[in-house]
Amino acid sequence: MYTTINFPTKKALKEAVAKGDTVRIYQPGGIFTPPESSSDYTGTAYVEGPHYPKAHSWYATVELINGKVVKVK
């Protein structure tokens, strides 16, 4: 899954979440939509970046509350 903002690094993702930016996640393609990508999901999800077609260079475990990323591990 990806974040709605195409962060170039995991550090950039962490900084955005720490300063209170609204960051959500989604699953591209539309064939399989996991529950983690719903707008009201609360729990753990796994994201990667940067977005395709660039090679993924970072991966993160994130905590979501009501679909918003609140913590990056």
Protein backbone atom coordinates (compact mmCIF):
# COMPACT_ATOMS: atom_id res chain seq x y z
CA MET A 1 0.00 0.00 0.00
CA TYR A 2 1.01 3.60 -0.52
CA THR A 3 0.49 6.87 1.33
CA THR A 4 -1.63 9.49 -0.42
CA ILE A 5 1.42 11.75 -0.52
CA ASN A 6 4.38 10.36 -2.48
CA PHE A 7 7.10 10.63 0.16
CA PRO A 8 10.64 10.11 -1.18
CA THR A 9 11.88 8.73 2.17
CA LYS A 10 10.54 7.16 5.33
CA LYS A 11 12.06 10.09 7.22
CA ALA A 12 9.89 12.52 5.22
CA LEU A 13 6.81 10.45 6.11
CA LYS A 14 7.74 10.49 9.81
CA GLU A 15 8.29 14.25 9.75
CA ALA A 16 4.92 14.92 8.08
CA VAL A 17 3.06 12.78 10.62
CA ALA A 18 4.97 14.38 13.53
CA LYS A 19 3.99 17.89 12.45
CA GLY A 20 0.33 16.88 12.13
CA ASP A 21 -0.14 16.63 8.36
CA THR A 22 -3.08 14.46 7.29
CA VAL A 23 -1.64 11.33 5.72
CA ARG A 24 -3.86 8.49 4.55
CA ILE A 25 -3.11 5.24 2.73
CA TYR A 26 -4.52 3.45 -0.30
CA GLN A 27 -4.14 0.32 -2.38
CA PRO A 28 -3.63 1.10 -6.09
CA GLY A 29 -5.24 -0.99 -8.78
CA GLY A 30 -8.73 -1.41 -7.38
CA ILE A 31 -8.87 -5.20 -7.85
CA PHE A 32 -8.17 -5.99 -4.21
CA THR A 33 -9.09 -3.39 -1.59
CA PRO A 34 -7.84 -4.41 1.85
CA PRO A 35 -9.73 -3.13 4.90
CA GLU A 36 -6.68 -1.09 5.95
CA SER A 37 -7.28 1.31 3.06
CA SER A 38 -10.82 2.23 4.15
CA SER A 39 -11.41 5.77 5.41
CA ASP A 40 -12.51 4.63 8.88
CA TYR A 41 -9.90 1.92 9.57
CA THR A 42 -8.17 1.88 12.95
CA GLY A 43 -5.17 -0.41 13.41
CA THR A 44 -1.85 -1.37 11.82
CA ALA A 45 -0.93 -1.26 8.13
CA TYR A 46 2.19 -1.60 6.01
CA VAL A 47 3.23 0.93 3.38
CA GLU A 48 6.03 1.38 0.88
CA GLY A 49 7.47 4.15 -1.20
CA PRO A 50 8.16 5.99 -3.27
CA HIS A 51 5.26 5.27 -5.61
CA TYR A 52 5.58 3.08 -8.70
CA PRO A 53 7.25 3.36 -11.23
CA LYS A 54 10.19 4.34 -9.01
CA ALA A 55 11.82 1.48 -7.16
CA HIS A 56 10.61 1.12 -3.59
CA SER A 57 13.41 2.19 -1.27
CA TRP A 58 11.57 2.31 2.05
CA TYR A 59 8.93 0.33 3.92
CA ALA A 60 7.10 1.26 7.10
CA THR A 61 4.62 -0.05 9.61
CA VAL A 62 2.05 2.62 10.42
CA GLU A 63 -0.70 3.00 12.99
CA LEU A 64 -3.98 4.50 11.79
CA ILE A 65 -6.93 6.01 13.63
CA ASN A 66 -10.04 6.53 11.50
CA GLY A 67 -7.96 6.15 8.34
CA LYS A 68 -5.35 8.75 9.31
CA VAL A 69 -1.70 7.80 9.93
CA VAL A 70 -0.84 8.78 13.51
CA LYS A 71 2.41 6.87 14.05
CA VAL A 72 5.23 5.54 11.89
CA LYS A 73 7.40 2.70 13.20
